[in-house]
Amino acid sequence: MSERIFLPLLSNGSGEIKANFMVCWAEAFSGRDVFICHIADSHAGRGMNKTACAFLDSGCDIWVNIDADILFTKKDIDHLLEGNLPLVYGVYPKKNDACEPCLGTFDVRPEPDETGRAVVRRAGRGFMAVRRELLERMKEENGGPALAYHNHGKTEWEFFPSGVVEGEMSAMPEGQREFLSEDWYWCQRALALGVPTVIDTRIVLGHEGSKVYRFKETDLCRTDANISSWRDIHGWFDYESLYRDLTGNLPNGSTFVEVGCWLGRSIAAFANFSQEAGKTFDLHAVDTFDGQPASAEQAAILAAHGGDISGAFKRNMERLGVSLTLHQGDSSAAAAGFENETVGAAFIDASHAEADVLRDILEWWPKIKPGGILAGHDYDLIDVRQAVEKSGLTVRQIGRCWEATK
């Protein structure tokens, strides 16, 4: 039997509920077993307590709490309800142009597991699923921290307090106190009961204010766990025509090597173009996955993945069904593992320093079969152009790429 969902429409007392939210709400919950009620309160914590108690009185199995200015899809709700977790969140952006995620990690941003979920310290309760058993455990009569109180003749519990905390409840250095809002305080209380704050990074939300705020590529909830195409993967792939030509011209079964893969956008595209051409290639990906920390854009993405993007690359390939051999490490070591004249084509897009590019060219050129192709990116950069010229190869320019046929 399907679980019954408690779905409150919670407003701040003014009755304001966004029209776009209602459209999302109607589409996402159509066909589900849902109990709906409207709750209004001018105090955020008291309103959440009132909602929690109404949920317990309803007999429903799970409470889905969504702020009335969040934009979401049916797929987001599917992800939120998967796995029977006692507490799980979708992350949404704050209402500012930087689109900072509404969550607290305080350390390295966590890498999602194979399900797309990660554990953080705190998350905003604007897109949250809570199971009945967690609230029952939190009541004071069951040994929990939530005190009972009377509200207009009705017993409620202070599940969502706010206030000053210290010690294990605080994320500040030892000896420093911290003020927690009701959603942060709730996360700390759940954690004290052994229930972590789990976020599902597959959930991609909007937040509507004076405009709709959405995440950028570098934010935590877009760690590429929600991809359905190579186009969804972050990267700098502006050589689609070159890759389409390669997949069309290379003999079926050829070996293709990409040196410098980042999160996998280009090699996933190559695999897609191969499938469209009705061909199967022996794909090899070579990367240290350290990125280029001097690049602010790459540094932000590296930080979001704890300094190593290899896990995100592997998940991206798995989600798109891309079969390849991964050579994680230095390009020279990878090249040494191939016999001469066994590679149909190789594409170089790793370090852009002149010495590194020249080394990659000289080490991969002997591996190319007669009639095969060695190519690379960023031919418009002076270091790359000088490295190509010093290699002695005869090349032709294709957009921002260079290409040499053996």
Protein backbone atom coordinates (compact mmCIF):
# COMPACT_ATOMS: atom_id res chain seq x y z
CA MET A 1 0.00 0.00 0.00
CA SER A 2 1.36 3.44 -0.91
CA GLU A 3 2.34 5.84 1.83
CA ARG A 4 0.15 8.82 2.52
CA ILE A 5 1.83 12.20 2.19
CA PHE A 6 1.06 15.14 4.47
CA LEU A 7 1.38 18.25 2.30
CA PRO A 8 0.84 21.57 4.09
CA LEU A 9 0.43 24.90 2.36
CA LEU A 10 2.29 27.04 4.88
CA SER A 11 2.14 30.82 4.54
CA ASN A 12 3.47 33.56 6.78
CA GLY A 13 0.05 34.82 7.79
CA SER A 14 -0.47 37.02 4.75
CA GLY A 15 -1.76 34.09 2.71
CA GLU A 16 0.81 34.66 -0.03
CA ILE A 17 1.44 31.52 -2.08
CA LYS A 18 3.17 31.92 -5.45
CA ALA A 19 1.19 30.96 -8.56
CA ASN A 20 4.22 29.19 -10.07
CA PHE A 21 4.50 27.13 -6.90
CA MET A 22 0.89 26.02 -7.27
CA VAL A 23 1.52 24.91 -10.87
CA CYS A 24 4.54 22.85 -9.73
CA TRP A 25 2.54 21.52 -6.79
CA ALA A 26 -0.40 20.37 -8.94
CA GLU A 27 1.79 18.62 -11.52
CA ALA A 28 4.19 16.97 -9.05
CA PHE A 29 1.56 15.51 -6.70
CA SER A 30 -1.04 14.44 -9.25
CA GLY A 31 -1.96 10.79 -8.67
CA ARG A 32 -0.29 10.56 -5.25
CA ASP A 33 -2.09 9.83 -1.97
CA VAL A 34 -1.92 13.27 -0.39
CA PHE A 35 -3.55 14.96 2.60
CA ILE A 36 -3.58 18.74 2.12
CA CYS A 37 -4.10 21.50 4.65
CA HIS A 38 -3.42 25.23 4.88
CA ILE A 39 -1.47 26.54 7.86
CA ALA A 40 -0.62 30.17 8.54
CA ASP A 41 1.47 31.77 11.24
CA SER A 42 3.44 34.98 11.49
CA HIS A 43 6.27 33.29 13.46
CA ALA A 44 8.42 30.85 11.49
CA GLY A 45 9.26 28.48 14.33
CA ARG A 46 5.74 28.43 15.75
CA GLY A 47 4.34 27.85 12.25
CA MET A 48 6.65 24.85 11.77
CA ASN A 49 5.67 23.45 15.18
CA LYS A 50 2.00 23.85 14.28
CA THR A 51 2.62 22.09 10.96
CA ALA A 52 4.53 19.23 12.58
CA CYS A 53 1.75 18.65 15.09
CA ALA A 54 -0.90 18.74 12.36
CA PHE A 55 1.11 16.09 10.53
CA LEU A 56 1.18 13.85 13.62
CA ASP A 57 -2.58 14.26 14.03
CA SER A 58 -3.23 13.47 10.36
CA GLY A 59 -2.17 9.81 10.49
CA CYS A 60 -0.01 10.34 7.37
CA ASP A 61 3.30 8.52 6.98
CA ILE A 62 5.54 11.26 5.66
CA TRP A 63 5.53 15.05 5.78
CA VAL A 64 6.73 16.86 2.67
CA ASN A 65 7.45 20.48 3.54
CA ILE A 66 7.83 22.88 0.61
CA ASP A 67 7.99 26.64 0.95
CA ALA A 68 5.42 28.41 -1.21
CA ASP A 69 8.10 30.15 -3.30
CA ILE A 70 10.05 27.02 -4.36
CA LEU A 71 9.91 25.74 -7.95
CA PHE A 72 10.21 21.98 -8.46
CA THR A 73 9.16 19.03 -10.64
CA LYS A 74 7.56 15.62 -10.22
CA LYS A 75 11.02 14.09 -10.62
CA ASP A 76 12.29 16.16 -7.69
CA ILE A 77 9.50 14.76 -5.49
CA ASP A 78 10.29 11.22 -6.69
CA HIS A 79 13.89 11.67 -5.55
CA LEU A 80 12.83 13.21 -2.23
CA LEU A 81 10.68 10.19 -1.38
CA GLU A 82 13.12 7.47 -2.46
CA GLY A 83 14.85 5.27 0.09
CA ASN A 84 12.59 5.66 3.14
CA LEU A 85 15.04 8.05 4.80
CA PRO A 86 13.85 9.67 8.06
CA LEU A 87 15.03 13.12 6.93
CA VAL A 88 16.05 14.26 3.45
CA TYR A 89 16.30 17.61 1.70
CA GLY A 90 16.53 19.21 -1.69
CA VAL A 91 18.86 22.20 -1.81
CA TYR A 92 17.63 25.49 -3.23
CA PRO A 93 19.43 28.80 -3.83
CA LYS A 94 19.15 31.77 -1.55
CA LYS A 95 17.44 34.78 -3.06
CA ASN A 96 20.55 36.56 -4.24
CA ASP A 97 22.36 36.86 -7.55
CA ALA A 98 25.24 34.73 -6.28
CA CYS A 99 22.70 31.89 -5.87
CA GLU A 100 24.42 30.51 -2.79
CA PRO A 101 22.98 27.15 -1.69
CA CYS A 102 20.80 27.28 1.41
CA LEU A 103 22.80 24.84 3.49
CA GLY A 104 25.69 24.68 5.96
CA THR A 105 28.68 22.36 5.57
CA PHE A 106 31.48 24.22 7.43
CA ASP A 107 34.12 21.85 6.06
CA VAL A 108 34.86 20.50 2.58
CA ARG A 109 31.68 20.20 0.59
CA PRO A 110 30.81 16.51 0.55
CA GLU A 111 30.93 14.26 -2.50
CA PRO A 112 27.57 12.59 -3.21
CA ASP A 113 27.46 8.79 -3.09
CA GLU A 114 26.32 6.53 -5.92
CA THR A 115 22.68 7.42 -5.19
CA GLY A 116 23.35 11.14 -5.59
CA ARG A 117 22.95 11.81 -1.85
CA ALA A 118 25.35 13.52 0.55
CA VAL A 119 25.40 14.38 4.25
CA VAL A 120 25.77 18.01 5.32
CA ARG A 121 25.52 19.68 8.68
CA ARG A 122 22.41 21.77 8.03
CA ALA A 123 19.94 22.51 5.24
CA GLY A 124 17.04 24.88 4.71
CA ARG A 125 13.67 23.29 5.47
CA GLY A 126 12.02 24.77 2.37
CA PHE A 127 12.16 21.41 0.54
CA MET A 128 12.20 18.63 3.11
CA ALA A 129 10.71 15.20 3.78
CA VAL A 130 10.30 14.00 7.38
CA ARG A 131 9.02 10.63 8.54
CA ARG A 132 6.71 10.30 11.49
CA GLU A 133 9.13 8.29 13.62
CA LEU A 134 11.66 11.14 13.84
CA LEU A 135 9.10 13.54 15.29
CA GLU A 136 7.88 10.91 17.75
CA ARG A 137 11.46 10.32 18.93
CA MET A 138 11.94 14.05 19.41
CA LYS A 139 9.05 14.46 21.90
CA GLU A 140 10.10 14.97 25.51
CA GLU A 141 7.92 12.09 26.75
CA ASN A 142 9.93 9.79 24.49
CA GLY A 143 13.26 11.09 25.79
CA GLY A 144 13.72 13.71 23.12
CA PRO A 145 14.47 17.44 23.41
CA ALA A 146 11.13 18.85 22.14
CA LEU A 147 9.17 20.34 25.06
CA ALA A 148 5.38 20.20 25.11
CA TYR A 149 3.43 23.45 25.42
CA HIS A 150 -0.18 24.64 25.12
CA ASN A 151 -1.27 26.72 22.16
CA HIS A 152 -4.89 27.90 22.40
CA GLY A 153 -5.92 24.79 24.29
CA LYS A 154 -3.98 22.38 22.07
CA THR A 155 -0.80 20.54 23.05
CA GLU A 156 2.09 21.11 20.67
CA TRP A 157 5.81 20.46 20.86
CA GLU A 158 8.73 22.78 20.28
CA PHE A 159 10.27 20.79 17.44
CA PHE A 160 11.63 23.93 15.75
CA PRO A 161 13.08 26.31 18.34
CA SER A 162 15.58 29.06 17.62
CA GLY A 163 18.20 30.51 19.90
CA VAL A 164 21.78 30.55 21.14
CA VAL A 165 23.69 27.25 21.30
CA GLU A 166 27.20 26.13 22.16
CA GLY A 167 29.24 22.95 22.41
CA GLU A 168 28.26 20.14 20.03
CA MET A 169 25.19 22.09 18.88
CA SER A 170 27.38 24.89 17.56
CA ALA A 171 29.54 24.91 14.44
CA MET A 172 31.71 27.67 15.92
CA PRO A 173 35.17 27.09 17.44
CA GLU A 174 35.18 25.73 20.98
CA GLY A 175 34.01 28.29 23.50
CA GLN A 176 32.04 30.36 20.99
CA ARG A 177 28.23 30.46 20.93
CA GLU A 178 26.06 30.59 17.82
CA PHE A 179 22.50 31.75 17.14
CA LEU A 180 20.48 29.19 15.17
CA SER A 181 17.31 29.84 13.21
CA GLU A 182 14.54 27.25 13.50
CA ASP A 183 15.67 25.23 10.44
CA TRP A 184 19.32 25.09 11.52
CA TYR A 185 18.28 24.21 15.11
CA TRP A 186 16.05 21.40 13.82
CA CYS A 187 18.99 19.85 11.93
CA GLN A 188 21.16 19.94 15.05
CA ARG A 189 18.43 18.28 17.12
CA ALA A 190 18.00 15.52 14.56
CA LEU A 191 21.76 14.98 14.45
CA ALA A 192 21.84 14.65 18.25
CA LEU A 193 19.38 11.75 17.82
CA GLY A 194 21.64 10.12 15.26
CA VAL A 195 19.68 11.30 12.20
CA PRO A 196 21.94 13.15 9.74
CA THR A 197 20.90 15.92 7.37
CA VAL A 198 20.85 14.17 3.99
CA ILE A 199 20.58 16.14 0.77
CA ASP A 200 19.73 14.64 -2.61
CA THR A 201 21.89 16.37 -5.24
CA ARG A 202 19.68 15.08 -8.06
CA ILE A 203 17.03 17.57 -6.97
CA VAL A 204 17.33 20.90 -8.82
CA LEU A 205 15.14 23.70 -7.46
CA GLY A 206 14.27 27.30 -8.19
CA HIS A 207 13.53 30.00 -5.62
CA GLU A 208 11.11 32.76 -6.61
CA GLY A 209 11.41 36.30 -5.31
CA SER A 210 11.59 39.47 -7.39
CA LYS A 211 12.82 37.01 -10.03
CA VAL A 212 13.49 33.28 -10.17
CA TYR A 213 16.85 32.32 -8.74
CA ARG A 214 18.50 29.14 -9.96
CA PHE A 215 21.84 27.46 -9.39
CA LYS A 216 24.96 27.76 -11.48
CA GLU A 217 27.29 24.89 -12.44
CA THR A 218 29.53 25.30 -9.40
CA ASP A 219 26.90 24.97 -6.68
CA LEU A 220 26.58 21.87 -4.56
CA CYS A 221 23.23 20.68 -5.83
CA ARG A 222 24.64 20.64 -9.39
CA THR A 223 27.44 18.17 -8.86
CA ASP A 224 26.36 16.61 -12.13
CA ALA A 225 24.35 13.86 -10.46
CA ASN A 226 21.21 14.93 -12.31
CA ILE A 227 22.55 14.63 -15.87
CA SER A 228 20.70 12.97 -18.71
CA SER A 229 22.97 14.05 -21.59
CA TRP A 230 26.57 15.05 -22.24
CA ARG A 231 25.22 18.59 -22.61
CA ASP A 232 24.37 18.65 -18.88
CA ILE A 233 28.02 18.13 -17.87
CA HIS A 234 30.15 21.17 -17.05
CA GLY A 235 33.03 21.75 -19.44
CA TRP A 236 34.49 23.72 -22.35
CA PHE A 237 33.51 21.59 -25.33
CA ASP A 238 33.53 23.83 -28.42
CA TYR A 239 34.81 21.24 -30.93
CA GLU A 240 31.69 19.21 -31.59
CA SER A 241 32.27 19.25 -35.36
CA LEU A 242 35.79 17.81 -34.96
CA TYR A 243 34.52 14.96 -32.76
CA ARG A 244 31.66 14.22 -35.13
CA ASP A 245 34.15 14.01 -38.01
CA LEU A 246 36.37 11.67 -35.99
CA THR A 247 33.53 9.32 -35.13
CA GLY A 248 32.40 9.34 -38.74
CA ASN A 249 35.84 8.73 -40.28
CA LEU A 250 37.57 6.41 -37.82
CA PRO A 251 37.20 2.69 -38.61
CA ASN A 252 34.78 0.86 -36.35
CA GLY A 253 36.58 -0.61 -33.33
CA SER A 254 39.42 1.96 -33.35
CA THR A 255 41.09 3.08 -30.14
CA PHE A 256 40.42 6.69 -29.12
CA VAL A 257 42.28 8.45 -26.29
CA GLU A 258 41.27 11.73 -24.67
CA VAL A 259 44.00 13.37 -22.59
CA GLY A 260 42.36 15.84 -20.21
CA CYS A 261 38.71 15.00 -19.53
CA TRP A 262 37.58 17.24 -16.63
CA LEU A 263 34.02 16.07 -15.72
CA GLY A 264 33.57 14.12 -18.96
CA ARG A 265 31.52 16.42 -21.19
CA SER A 266 33.62 15.91 -24.34
CA ILE A 267 34.30 12.19 -24.08
CA ALA A 268 30.62 11.56 -23.27
CA ALA A 269 29.78 13.54 -26.42
CA PHE A 270 32.26 11.40 -28.41
CA ALA A 271 30.52 8.27 -27.12
CA ASN A 272 27.15 9.72 -28.10
CA PHE A 273 28.33 10.63 -31.60
CA SER A 274 29.79 7.14 -31.97
CA GLN A 275 26.43 5.61 -31.14
CA GLU A 276 24.71 7.89 -33.65
CA ALA A 277 27.23 6.74 -36.29
CA GLY A 278 26.50 3.09 -35.48
CA LYS A 279 30.06 2.48 -34.31
CA THR A 280 31.81 1.18 -31.20
CA PHE A 281 35.23 2.50 -30.21
CA ASP A 282 37.72 1.48 -27.54
CA LEU A 283 37.61 4.65 -25.41
CA HIS A 284 40.37 5.71 -23.01
CA ALA A 285 40.24 8.71 -20.63
CA VAL A 286 43.46 10.18 -19.20
CA ASP A 287 43.37 12.76 -16.40
CA THR A 288 44.89 13.54 -13.01
CA PHE A 289 41.51 15.08 -12.02
CA ASP A 290 43.41 17.77 -10.12
CA GLY A 291 42.21 20.46 -12.53
CA GLN A 292 43.90 23.84 -12.71
CA PRO A 293 43.43 25.50 -9.29
CA ALA A 294 44.79 28.78 -10.71
CA SER A 295 41.50 29.06 -12.60
CA ALA A 296 38.87 30.58 -10.31
CA GLU A 297 36.11 28.64 -12.09
CA GLN A 298 37.92 25.32 -11.77
CA ALA A 299 38.97 26.06 -8.18
CA ALA A 300 35.33 26.58 -7.19
CA ILE A 301 34.28 23.30 -8.78
CA LEU A 302 37.25 21.45 -7.27
CA ALA A 303 36.33 22.81 -3.84
CA ALA A 304 32.74 21.63 -4.30
CA HIS A 305 34.10 18.12 -4.88
CA GLY A 306 36.65 18.09 -2.07
CA GLY A 307 39.59 18.78 -4.40
CA ASP A 308 39.18 15.66 -6.55
CA ILE A 309 36.60 15.40 -9.35
CA SER A 310 37.34 11.78 -10.30
CA GLY A 311 34.27 10.52 -8.44
CA ALA A 312 32.01 12.94 -10.30
CA PHE A 313 33.60 11.92 -13.62
CA LYS A 314 32.97 8.24 -12.93
CA ARG A 315 29.35 8.85 -11.91
CA ASN A 316 28.76 10.90 -15.03
CA MET A 317 30.03 8.07 -17.22
CA GLU A 318 27.94 5.52 -15.33
CA ARG A 319 24.76 7.59 -15.60
CA LEU A 320 25.20 8.01 -19.35
CA GLY A 321 26.28 4.40 -19.89
CA VAL A 322 29.69 5.38 -21.32
CA SER A 323 32.06 2.41 -21.33
CA LEU A 324 35.74 3.39 -21.21
CA THR A 325 39.11 2.63 -19.65
CA LEU A 326 40.18 5.25 -17.13
CA HIS A 327 43.86 6.14 -16.72
CA GLN A 328 43.92 8.35 -13.64
CA GLY A 329 47.30 9.99 -13.36
CA ASP A 330 50.05 11.53 -15.44
CA SER A 331 49.76 11.56 -19.23
CA SER A 332 53.30 10.17 -19.64
CA ALA A 333 52.50 7.10 -17.59
CA ALA A 334 49.33 6.52 -19.60
CA ALA A 335 51.15 6.88 -22.94
CA ALA A 336 53.78 4.37 -21.85
CA GLY A 337 51.05 1.77 -21.51
CA PHE A 338 50.17 1.84 -25.23
CA GLU A 339 52.12 0.09 -27.98
CA ASN A 340 53.32 2.25 -30.85
CA GLU A 341 50.92 2.67 -33.77
CA THR A 342 47.90 1.20 -31.97
CA VAL A 343 45.77 4.34 -31.42
CA GLY A 344 43.36 5.49 -34.12
CA ALA A 345 43.05 9.01 -32.70
CA ALA A 346 44.05 10.96 -29.59
CA PHE A 347 42.93 14.39 -28.42
CA ILE A 348 45.11 16.49 -26.07
CA ASP A 349 43.47 19.00 -23.73
CA ALA A 350 45.36 18.72 -20.45
CA SER A 351 47.90 21.25 -19.14
CA HIS A 352 48.25 24.29 -21.40
CA ALA A 353 51.85 25.05 -20.41
CA GLU A 354 54.15 24.93 -23.45
CA ALA A 355 56.48 22.26 -22.04
CA ASP A 356 53.58 20.03 -21.00
CA VAL A 357 51.79 20.32 -24.33
CA LEU A 358 55.02 19.57 -26.24
CA ARG A 359 55.68 16.54 -24.04
CA ASP A 360 52.14 15.24 -24.62
CA ILE A 361 52.50 15.64 -28.40
CA LEU A 362 55.87 13.91 -28.55
CA GLU A 363 54.77 11.03 -26.32
CA TRP A 364 51.40 10.37 -28.00
CA TRP A 365 52.44 10.85 -31.66
CA PRO A 366 54.32 7.51 -31.83
CA LYS A 367 51.18 5.75 -30.53
CA ILE A 368 49.09 6.93 -33.50
CA LYS A 369 48.48 4.46 -36.34
CA PRO A 370 49.42 5.40 -39.91
CA GLY A 371 46.45 7.35 -41.23
CA GLY A 372 45.41 8.14 -37.64
CA ILE A 373 44.95 11.56 -36.07
CA LEU A 374 46.48 13.50 -33.19
CA ALA A 375 44.61 16.68 -32.28
CA GLY A 376 44.32 19.13 -29.44
CA HIS A 377 42.47 22.12 -28.01
CA ASP A 378 43.29 25.78 -27.32
CA TYR A 379 45.42 26.41 -30.41
CA ASP A 380 44.64 30.11 -29.90
CA LEU A 381 46.76 30.14 -26.71
CA ILE A 382 50.35 31.14 -27.36
CA ASP A 383 51.89 28.34 -25.24
CA VAL A 384 49.87 25.69 -27.06
CA ARG A 385 50.64 27.14 -30.51
CA GLN A 386 54.38 27.33 -29.75
CA ALA A 387 54.38 23.73 -28.49
CA VAL A 388 52.67 22.52 -31.68
CA GLU A 389 55.15 24.46 -33.84
CA LYS A 390 58.14 23.06 -31.93
CA SER A 391 56.82 19.51 -32.34
CA GLY A 392 57.41 19.73 -36.11
CA LEU A 393 53.98 18.33 -36.95
CA THR A 394 52.11 19.57 -39.98
CA VAL A 395 48.73 20.64 -38.66
CA ARG A 396 45.55 22.25 -39.82
CA GLN A 397 43.45 24.52 -37.63
CA ILE A 398 39.80 23.66 -36.93
CA GLY A 399 38.21 26.40 -34.85
CA ARG A 400 40.24 26.55 -31.63
CA CYS A 401 41.74 23.12 -32.29
CA TRP A 402 44.74 21.77 -34.22
CA GLU A 403 44.85 18.41 -36.03
CA ALA A 404 47.65 16.35 -37.57
CA THR A 405 47.22 13.22 -39.70
CA LYS A 406 49.97 10.58 -39.60
